[in-house]
Amino acid sequence: MAADHTSPISRGGFGRRSFLIAGGVAALAIGTAEVTAAAPARAAADTSVVHTLIFSFPGTMPADQQATFYDELRDVVMGSGLALSVDHKPHLPLPDDAQAPVFVSSGIAELRCKDLATLERLTGYQPLNDFRTRWQAKYPYKVVWTNHAALSL
């Protein structure tokens, strides 16, 4: 499928509605150049689109509030009926994290949708926009993301 360079995503509309705008950080796009030998069968079977978010929460945000953030994110996203799954994991710190060129991550979340059009609908889902606005007001966070096909691990 050819890219539609007139779509809101290509024009940056996705960034205006998504997590990124709240953090004021430039979007991060990642692609893959090759697939491992074991991957073609899985890649052919899984045509979903993954929205991977890397969050950096402020140091003043307690761990219990981070857990609540992810719980609410899951509830809102899955409640939309647009996502196939939502998962998150905390960042595993290393001594050289302070050298991170963008920010030190707090954690990662993965939202999976059946296709890019469904993901675009999800990013415009009003309860998700309300969620972002509320959490940004409470604990301003930074985030970068990438939209990609399922990885073959």
N, C-alpha and C. Protein backbone atom coordinates (compact mmCIF):
# COMPACT_ATOMS: atom_id res chain seq x y z
N MET A 1 0.84 -1.17 0.00
CA MET A 1 0.00 0.00 0.00
C MET A 1 0.88 1.24 0.00
N ALA A 2 0.65 2.13 -0.92
CA ALA A 2 1.46 3.34 -1.04
C ALA A 2 1.09 4.32 0.07
N ALA A 3 2.07 5.10 0.48
CA ALA A 3 1.83 6.10 1.52
C ALA A 3 0.97 7.22 0.94
N ASP A 4 0.01 7.68 1.71
CA ASP A 4 -0.82 8.80 1.32
C ASP A 4 -0.24 10.04 1.99
N HIS A 5 0.51 10.83 1.22
CA HIS A 5 1.18 11.98 1.79
C HIS A 5 0.23 13.13 2.06
N THR A 6 -1.06 12.97 1.76
CA THR A 6 -2.03 13.99 2.09
C THR A 6 -2.79 13.65 3.36
N SER A 7 -2.53 12.48 3.93
CA SER A 7 -3.25 12.08 5.14
C SER A 7 -2.82 12.93 6.32
N PRO A 8 -3.68 13.03 7.36
CA PRO A 8 -3.32 13.81 8.55
C PRO A 8 -2.03 13.31 9.20
N ILE A 9 -1.77 12.02 9.12
CA ILE A 9 -0.56 11.49 9.73
C ILE A 9 0.66 12.04 9.02
N SER A 10 0.66 12.00 7.68
CA SER A 10 1.81 12.47 6.92
C SER A 10 2.03 13.98 7.09
N ARG A 11 0.94 14.71 7.25
CA ARG A 11 1.05 16.16 7.39
C ARG A 11 1.40 16.58 8.81
N GLY A 12 1.49 15.62 9.72
CA GLY A 12 1.83 15.98 11.09
C GLY A 12 0.61 16.09 11.98
N GLY A 13 -0.58 15.87 11.43
CA GLY A 13 -1.79 15.93 12.24
C GLY A 13 -1.78 14.92 13.36
N PHE A 14 -1.22 13.78 13.12
CA PHE A 14 -1.12 12.75 14.15
C PHE A 14 -0.36 13.29 15.34
N GLY A 15 0.74 13.99 15.09
CA GLY A 15 1.53 14.55 16.17
C GLY A 15 0.78 15.61 16.95
N ARG A 16 -0.07 16.35 16.28
CA ARG A 16 -0.82 17.38 16.98
C ARG A 16 -1.84 16.77 17.93
N ARG A 17 -2.34 15.56 17.63
CA ARG A 17 -3.36 14.94 18.46
C ARG A 17 -2.78 13.93 19.43
N SER A 18 -1.59 13.48 19.24
CA SER A 18 -1.10 12.36 20.02
C SER A 18 -0.32 12.80 21.24
N PHE A 19 0.26 11.83 21.94
CA PHE A 19 0.98 12.08 23.17
C PHE A 19 2.10 13.09 22.99
N LEU A 20 2.69 13.13 21.83
CA LEU A 20 3.89 13.91 21.60
C LEU A 20 3.72 15.39 21.87
N ILE A 21 2.64 15.96 21.43
CA ILE A 21 2.49 17.41 21.55
C ILE A 21 2.56 17.84 23.01
N ALA A 22 2.07 17.01 23.89
CA ALA A 22 2.07 17.38 25.29
C ALA A 22 3.47 17.50 25.85
N GLY A 23 4.40 16.74 25.31
CA GLY A 23 5.77 16.78 25.82
C GLY A 23 6.66 17.74 25.06
N GLY A 24 6.22 18.20 23.90
CA GLY A 24 7.01 19.13 23.12
C GLY A 24 8.30 18.52 22.59
N VAL A 25 8.29 17.24 22.31
CA VAL A 25 9.48 16.54 21.82
C VAL A 25 9.24 16.15 20.38
N ALA A 26 10.27 16.17 19.57
CA ALA A 26 10.14 15.80 18.16
C ALA A 26 9.82 14.32 18.02
N ALA A 27 9.02 13.98 17.02
CA ALA A 27 8.64 12.59 16.78
C ALA A 27 9.84 11.75 16.37
N LEU A 28 9.76 10.48 16.68
CA LEU A 28 10.82 9.54 16.36
C LEU A 28 10.24 8.47 15.46
N ALA A 29 10.75 8.31 14.28
CA ALA A 29 10.29 7.27 13.36
C ALA A 29 11.41 6.27 13.17
N ILE A 30 11.06 5.01 13.30
CA ILE A 30 12.05 3.95 13.18
C ILE A 30 11.56 2.96 12.14
N GLY A 31 12.43 2.52 11.26
CA GLY A 31 12.09 1.50 10.28
C GLY A 31 13.07 0.35 10.38
N THR A 32 12.74 -0.74 9.71
CA THR A 32 13.66 -1.87 9.70
C THR A 32 14.14 -2.11 8.29
N ALA A 33 15.39 -2.50 8.15
CA ALA A 33 15.97 -2.71 6.84
C ALA A 33 15.92 -4.17 6.43
N GLU A 34 15.93 -5.08 7.39
CA GLU A 34 15.89 -6.48 7.02
C GLU A 34 15.15 -7.28 8.07
N VAL A 35 14.75 -8.47 7.70
CA VAL A 35 14.00 -9.35 8.58
C VAL A 35 14.81 -10.61 8.78
N THR A 36 14.77 -11.15 9.98
CA THR A 36 15.51 -12.38 10.23
C THR A 36 14.89 -13.55 9.49
N ALA A 37 15.62 -14.65 9.36
CA ALA A 37 15.15 -15.81 8.61
C ALA A 37 13.86 -16.38 9.19
N ALA A 38 13.67 -16.33 10.50
CA ALA A 38 12.48 -16.91 11.13
C ALA A 38 11.29 -15.97 11.05
N ALA A 39 11.49 -14.73 10.67
CA ALA A 39 10.45 -13.73 10.73
C ALA A 39 9.42 -13.75 9.61
N PRO A 40 9.73 -14.13 8.37
CA PRO A 40 8.75 -13.96 7.29
C PRO A 40 7.40 -14.60 7.57
N ALA A 41 7.35 -15.78 8.16
CA ALA A 41 6.07 -16.43 8.42
C ALA A 41 5.24 -15.62 9.39
N ARG A 42 5.85 -15.12 10.46
CA ARG A 42 5.13 -14.33 11.45
C ARG A 42 4.72 -12.99 10.86
N ALA A 43 5.63 -12.35 10.14
CA ALA A 43 5.33 -11.04 9.57
C ALA A 43 4.15 -11.14 8.60
N ALA A 44 4.09 -12.21 7.84
CA ALA A 44 2.99 -12.38 6.89
C ALA A 44 1.67 -12.60 7.62
N ALA A 45 1.71 -13.25 8.77
CA ALA A 45 0.50 -13.56 9.51
C ALA A 45 0.00 -12.37 10.32
N ASP A 46 0.88 -11.50 10.77
CA ASP A 46 0.51 -10.39 11.63
C ASP A 46 0.61 -9.09 10.85
N THR A 47 -0.53 -8.55 10.46
CA THR A 47 -0.54 -7.32 9.68
C THR A 47 -0.95 -6.12 10.54
N SER A 48 -0.96 -6.30 11.85
CA SER A 48 -1.35 -5.21 12.73
C SER A 48 -0.29 -4.10 12.74
N VAL A 49 -0.71 -2.94 13.25
CA VAL A 49 0.16 -1.80 13.39
C VAL A 49 0.37 -1.56 14.88
N VAL A 50 1.61 -1.32 15.26
CA VAL A 50 1.97 -1.10 16.66
C VAL A 50 2.35 0.36 16.85
N HIS A 51 1.81 0.95 17.89
CA HIS A 51 2.14 2.32 18.29
C HIS A 51 2.95 2.18 19.57
N THR A 52 4.28 2.32 19.47
CA THR A 52 5.16 2.16 20.62
C THR A 52 5.48 3.55 21.18
N LEU A 53 5.22 3.73 22.47
CA LEU A 53 5.42 5.01 23.15
C LEU A 53 6.50 4.86 24.20
N ILE A 54 7.45 5.78 24.22
CA ILE A 54 8.49 5.78 25.24
C ILE A 54 8.27 7.05 26.07
N PHE A 55 7.89 6.84 27.33
CA PHE A 55 7.53 7.93 28.23
C PHE A 55 8.69 8.32 29.13
N SER A 56 8.75 9.60 29.46
CA SER A 56 9.65 10.10 30.49
C SER A 56 8.80 10.94 31.44
N PHE A 57 8.53 10.36 32.60
CA PHE A 57 7.72 11.06 33.60
C PHE A 57 8.62 11.92 34.47
N PRO A 58 8.07 13.00 35.03
CA PRO A 58 8.89 13.84 35.91
C PRO A 58 9.28 13.09 37.18
N GLY A 59 10.41 13.45 37.75
CA GLY A 59 10.89 12.80 38.96
C GLY A 59 9.95 12.94 40.14
N THR A 60 9.04 13.90 40.07
CA THR A 60 8.07 14.11 41.15
C THR A 60 6.86 13.18 41.06
N MET A 61 6.79 12.37 40.01
CA MET A 61 5.65 11.47 39.82
C MET A 61 5.93 10.15 40.54
N PRO A 62 5.19 9.87 41.62
CA PRO A 62 5.43 8.63 42.37
C PRO A 62 5.10 7.38 41.55
N ALA A 63 5.71 6.28 41.93
CA ALA A 63 5.51 5.00 41.23
C ALA A 63 4.04 4.59 41.19
N ASP A 64 3.30 4.83 42.27
CA ASP A 64 1.89 4.45 42.27
C ASP A 64 1.09 5.27 41.26
N GLN A 65 1.50 6.53 41.03
CA GLN A 65 0.83 7.35 40.03
C GLN A 65 1.18 6.89 38.61
N GLN A 66 2.41 6.43 38.41
CA GLN A 66 2.77 5.86 37.12
C GLN A 66 1.93 4.61 36.84
N ALA A 67 1.75 3.78 37.85
CA ALA A 67 0.93 2.57 37.68
C ALA A 67 -0.51 2.96 37.34
N THR A 68 -1.02 3.98 38.01
CA THR A 68 -2.38 4.45 37.73
C THR A 68 -2.47 4.99 36.30
N PHE A 69 -1.46 5.73 35.86
CA PHE A 69 -1.41 6.26 34.50
C PHE A 69 -1.56 5.12 33.49
N TYR A 70 -0.75 4.07 33.65
CA TYR A 70 -0.79 2.95 32.70
C TYR A 70 -2.11 2.19 32.79
N ASP A 71 -2.66 2.03 33.99
CA ASP A 71 -3.96 1.36 34.14
C ASP A 71 -5.06 2.14 33.42
N GLU A 72 -5.05 3.45 33.61
CA GLU A 72 -6.05 4.29 32.94
C GLU A 72 -5.84 4.30 31.43
N LEU A 73 -4.59 4.34 31.00
CA LEU A 73 -4.31 4.28 29.56
C LEU A 73 -4.91 3.01 28.97
N ARG A 74 -4.65 1.88 29.61
CA ARG A 74 -5.19 0.61 29.13
C ARG A 74 -6.72 0.65 29.08
N ASP A 75 -7.34 1.14 30.15
CA ASP A 75 -8.80 1.18 30.21
C ASP A 75 -9.39 2.05 29.10
N VAL A 76 -8.80 3.22 28.90
CA VAL A 76 -9.31 4.13 27.86
C VAL A 76 -9.10 3.54 26.47
N VAL A 77 -7.90 3.05 26.21
CA VAL A 77 -7.59 2.52 24.87
C VAL A 77 -8.44 1.29 24.57
N MET A 78 -8.49 0.35 25.50
CA MET A 78 -9.29 -0.86 25.25
C MET A 78 -10.79 -0.55 25.24
N GLY A 79 -11.20 0.45 26.01
CA GLY A 79 -12.60 0.86 26.03
C GLY A 79 -13.06 1.49 24.72
N SER A 80 -12.10 1.93 23.91
CA SER A 80 -12.44 2.55 22.62
C SER A 80 -12.98 1.53 21.63
N GLY A 81 -12.62 0.26 21.82
CA GLY A 81 -12.99 -0.77 20.85
C GLY A 81 -12.12 -0.74 19.60
N LEU A 82 -11.10 0.12 19.58
CA LEU A 82 -10.25 0.28 18.40
C LEU A 82 -8.93 -0.46 18.50
N ALA A 83 -8.51 -0.83 19.70
CA ALA A 83 -7.21 -1.47 19.89
C ALA A 83 -7.37 -2.97 20.09
N LEU A 84 -6.37 -3.69 19.61
CA LEU A 84 -6.32 -5.13 19.81
C LEU A 84 -5.70 -5.47 21.15
N SER A 85 -4.72 -4.64 21.58
CA SER A 85 -4.05 -4.88 22.85
C SER A 85 -3.31 -3.63 23.31
N VAL A 86 -2.99 -3.62 24.60
CA VAL A 86 -2.18 -2.58 25.22
C VAL A 86 -1.30 -3.28 26.24
N ASP A 87 -0.02 -2.91 26.27
CA ASP A 87 0.89 -3.45 27.27
C ASP A 87 1.89 -2.36 27.62
N HIS A 88 2.53 -2.50 28.76
CA HIS A 88 3.57 -1.55 29.16
C HIS A 88 4.58 -2.26 30.05
N LYS A 89 5.76 -1.70 30.09
CA LYS A 89 6.84 -2.20 30.93
C LYS A 89 7.64 -1.00 31.42
N PRO A 90 8.23 -1.11 32.63
CA PRO A 90 9.06 -0.02 33.13
C PRO A 90 10.44 -0.04 32.47
N HIS A 91 11.08 1.10 32.49
CA HIS A 91 12.46 1.22 32.03
C HIS A 91 13.36 0.47 33.02
N LEU A 92 14.35 -0.22 32.50
CA LEU A 92 15.34 -0.90 33.33
C LEU A 92 16.60 -0.03 33.31
N PRO A 93 16.86 0.69 34.40
CA PRO A 93 17.96 1.67 34.40
C PRO A 93 19.35 1.06 34.31
N LEU A 94 20.23 1.83 33.69
CA LEU A 94 21.65 1.53 33.60
C LEU A 94 22.42 2.75 34.11
N PRO A 95 23.66 2.56 34.54
CA PRO A 95 24.43 3.69 35.07
C PRO A 95 24.61 4.86 34.10
N ASP A 96 24.65 4.60 32.80
CA ASP A 96 24.88 5.68 31.84
C ASP A 96 23.61 6.31 31.31
N ASP A 97 22.46 6.10 31.95
CA ASP A 97 21.20 6.68 31.49
C ASP A 97 21.26 8.20 31.39
N ALA A 98 22.02 8.83 32.26
CA ALA A 98 22.10 10.29 32.24
C ALA A 98 22.66 10.82 30.92
N GLN A 99 23.28 9.96 30.14
CA GLN A 99 23.85 10.37 28.85
C GLN A 99 22.85 10.26 27.71
N ALA A 100 21.61 9.89 28.00
CA ALA A 100 20.59 9.73 26.96
C ALA A 100 20.45 11.03 26.17
N PRO A 101 20.46 10.97 24.83
CA PRO A 101 20.44 12.19 24.01
C PRO A 101 19.09 12.91 24.00
N VAL A 102 17.99 12.24 24.29
CA VAL A 102 16.67 12.89 24.27
C VAL A 102 16.16 13.07 25.69
N PHE A 103 16.00 11.98 26.41
CA PHE A 103 15.58 11.97 27.81
C PHE A 103 15.77 10.57 28.35
N VAL A 104 15.73 10.45 29.67
CA VAL A 104 15.80 9.14 30.29
C VAL A 104 14.37 8.61 30.37
N SER A 105 14.17 7.43 29.86
CA SER A 105 12.86 6.82 29.81
C SER A 105 12.39 6.40 31.20
N SER A 106 11.08 6.49 31.41
CA SER A 106 10.45 5.93 32.61
C SER A 106 9.85 4.58 32.28
N GLY A 107 9.40 4.44 31.04
CA GLY A 107 8.77 3.19 30.64
C GLY A 107 8.33 3.24 29.20
N ILE A 108 7.81 2.11 28.75
CA ILE A 108 7.38 1.94 27.37
C ILE A 108 5.98 1.35 27.36
N ALA A 109 5.19 1.78 26.39
CA ALA A 109 3.85 1.21 26.20
C ALA A 109 3.70 0.84 24.73
N GLU A 110 2.92 -0.18 24.49
CA GLU A 110 2.66 -0.64 23.12
C GLU A 110 1.17 -0.78 22.94
N LEU A 111 0.63 -0.06 21.96
CA LEU A 111 -0.78 -0.15 21.58
C LEU A 111 -0.82 -0.80 20.21
N ARG A 112 -1.64 -1.80 20.05
CA ARG A 112 -1.71 -2.53 18.79
C ARG A 112 -3.12 -2.37 18.20
N CYS A 113 -3.15 -1.99 16.92
CA CYS A 113 -4.42 -1.84 16.19
C CYS A 113 -4.36 -2.69 14.93
N LYS A 114 -5.54 -2.95 14.35
CA LYS A 114 -5.56 -3.83 13.17
C LYS A 114 -4.90 -3.21 11.95
N ASP A 115 -4.91 -1.85 11.86
CA ASP A 115 -4.28 -1.19 10.72
C ASP A 115 -4.03 0.28 11.07
N LEU A 116 -3.36 0.99 10.17
CA LEU A 116 -2.99 2.37 10.41
C LEU A 116 -4.22 3.28 10.51
N ALA A 117 -5.23 3.02 9.70
CA ALA A 117 -6.45 3.84 9.75
C ALA A 117 -7.12 3.72 11.12
N THR A 118 -7.13 2.52 11.69
CA THR A 118 -7.72 2.32 13.01
C THR A 118 -6.90 3.04 14.07
N LEU A 119 -5.57 2.98 13.95
CA LEU A 119 -4.71 3.69 14.89
C LEU A 119 -4.97 5.19 14.81
N GLU A 120 -5.14 5.70 13.61
CA GLU A 120 -5.42 7.12 13.45
C GLU A 120 -6.74 7.49 14.12
N ARG A 121 -7.75 6.65 13.98
CA ARG A 121 -9.03 6.89 14.67
C ARG A 121 -8.83 6.88 16.18
N LEU A 122 -8.01 5.95 16.68
CA LEU A 122 -7.76 5.87 18.11
C LEU A 122 -7.12 7.15 18.62
N THR A 123 -6.16 7.71 17.88
CA THR A 123 -5.48 8.92 18.34
C THR A 123 -6.41 10.13 18.40
N GLY A 124 -7.52 10.07 17.69
CA GLY A 124 -8.51 11.15 17.75
C GLY A 124 -9.66 10.86 18.70
N TYR A 125 -9.62 9.74 19.37
CA TYR A 125 -10.67 9.31 20.30
C TYR A 125 -10.73 10.29 21.48
N GLN A 126 -11.86 10.95 21.68
CA GLN A 126 -11.96 12.03 22.66
C GLN A 126 -11.61 11.60 24.08
N PRO A 127 -12.05 10.44 24.57
CA PRO A 127 -11.63 10.06 25.92
C PRO A 127 -10.10 9.91 26.05
N LEU A 128 -9.42 9.52 24.98
CA LEU A 128 -7.96 9.44 25.03
C LEU A 128 -7.36 10.85 25.07
N ASN A 129 -7.92 11.77 24.32
CA ASN A 129 -7.47 13.16 24.37
C ASN A 129 -7.68 13.74 25.77
N ASP A 130 -8.82 13.44 26.39
CA ASP A 130 -9.10 13.91 27.74
C ASP A 130 -8.10 13.32 28.74
N PHE A 131 -7.78 12.04 28.58
CA PHE A 131 -6.80 11.37 29.43
C PHE A 131 -5.46 12.09 29.35
N ARG A 132 -4.99 12.36 28.13
CA ARG A 132 -3.70 13.04 27.95
C ARG A 132 -3.71 14.42 28.60
N THR A 133 -4.74 15.17 28.37
CA THR A 133 -4.84 16.52 28.91
C THR A 133 -4.80 16.50 30.44
N ARG A 134 -5.54 15.59 31.03
CA ARG A 134 -5.60 15.49 32.49
C ARG A 134 -4.24 15.11 33.09
N TRP A 135 -3.58 14.11 32.49
CA TRP A 135 -2.30 13.67 33.04
C TRP A 135 -1.19 14.68 32.78
N GLN A 136 -1.24 15.37 31.66
CA GLN A 136 -0.24 16.41 31.39
C GLN A 136 -0.36 17.55 32.40
N ALA A 137 -1.59 17.88 32.79
CA ALA A 137 -1.79 18.94 33.78
C ALA A 137 -1.28 18.52 35.15
N LYS A 138 -1.41 17.24 35.45
CA LYS A 138 -1.02 16.73 36.77
C LYS A 138 0.49 16.47 36.85
N TYR A 139 1.04 15.80 35.85
CA TYR A 139 2.46 15.44 35.79
C TYR A 139 2.95 15.61 34.36
N PRO A 140 3.40 16.79 33.98
CA PRO A 140 3.85 16.98 32.60
C PRO A 140 4.96 15.98 32.23
N TYR A 141 4.70 15.18 31.22
CA TYR A 141 5.64 14.14 30.80
C TYR A 141 6.07 14.39 29.37
N LYS A 142 7.15 13.74 28.99
CA LYS A 142 7.63 13.77 27.61
C LYS A 142 7.42 12.39 27.02
N VAL A 143 7.31 12.35 25.70
CA VAL A 143 7.08 11.06 25.05
C VAL A 143 7.54 11.15 23.60
N VAL A 144 8.10 10.07 23.12
CA VAL A 144 8.36 9.88 21.70
C VAL A 144 7.68 8.58 21.31
N TRP A 145 7.38 8.43 20.02
CA TRP A 145 6.73 7.21 19.59
C TRP A 145 7.14 6.84 18.18
N THR A 146 6.80 5.63 17.84
CA THR A 146 6.95 5.16 16.47
C THR A 146 5.77 4.26 16.15
N ASN A 147 5.30 4.33 14.93
CA ASN A 147 4.25 3.45 14.41
C ASN A 147 4.94 2.47 13.48
N HIS A 148 4.69 1.20 13.67
CA HIS A 148 5.43 0.20 12.90
C HIS A 148 4.65 -1.11 12.81
N ALA A 149 5.07 -1.93 11.89
CA ALA A 149 4.54 -3.29 11.82
C ALA A 149 5.08 -4.07 13.02
N ALA A 150 4.38 -5.13 13.37
CA ALA A 150 4.82 -5.97 14.50
C ALA A 150 6.25 -6.44 14.25
N LEU A 151 7.07 -6.36 15.28
CA LEU A 151 8.45 -6.83 15.18
C LEU A 151 8.48 -8.34 15.20
N SER A 152 9.47 -8.92 14.58
CA SER A 152 9.61 -10.37 14.55
C SER A 152 10.71 -10.78 15.50
N LEU A 153 10.34 -11.06 16.70
CA LEU A 153 11.31 -11.43 17.73
C LEU A 153 11.24 -12.91 18.00
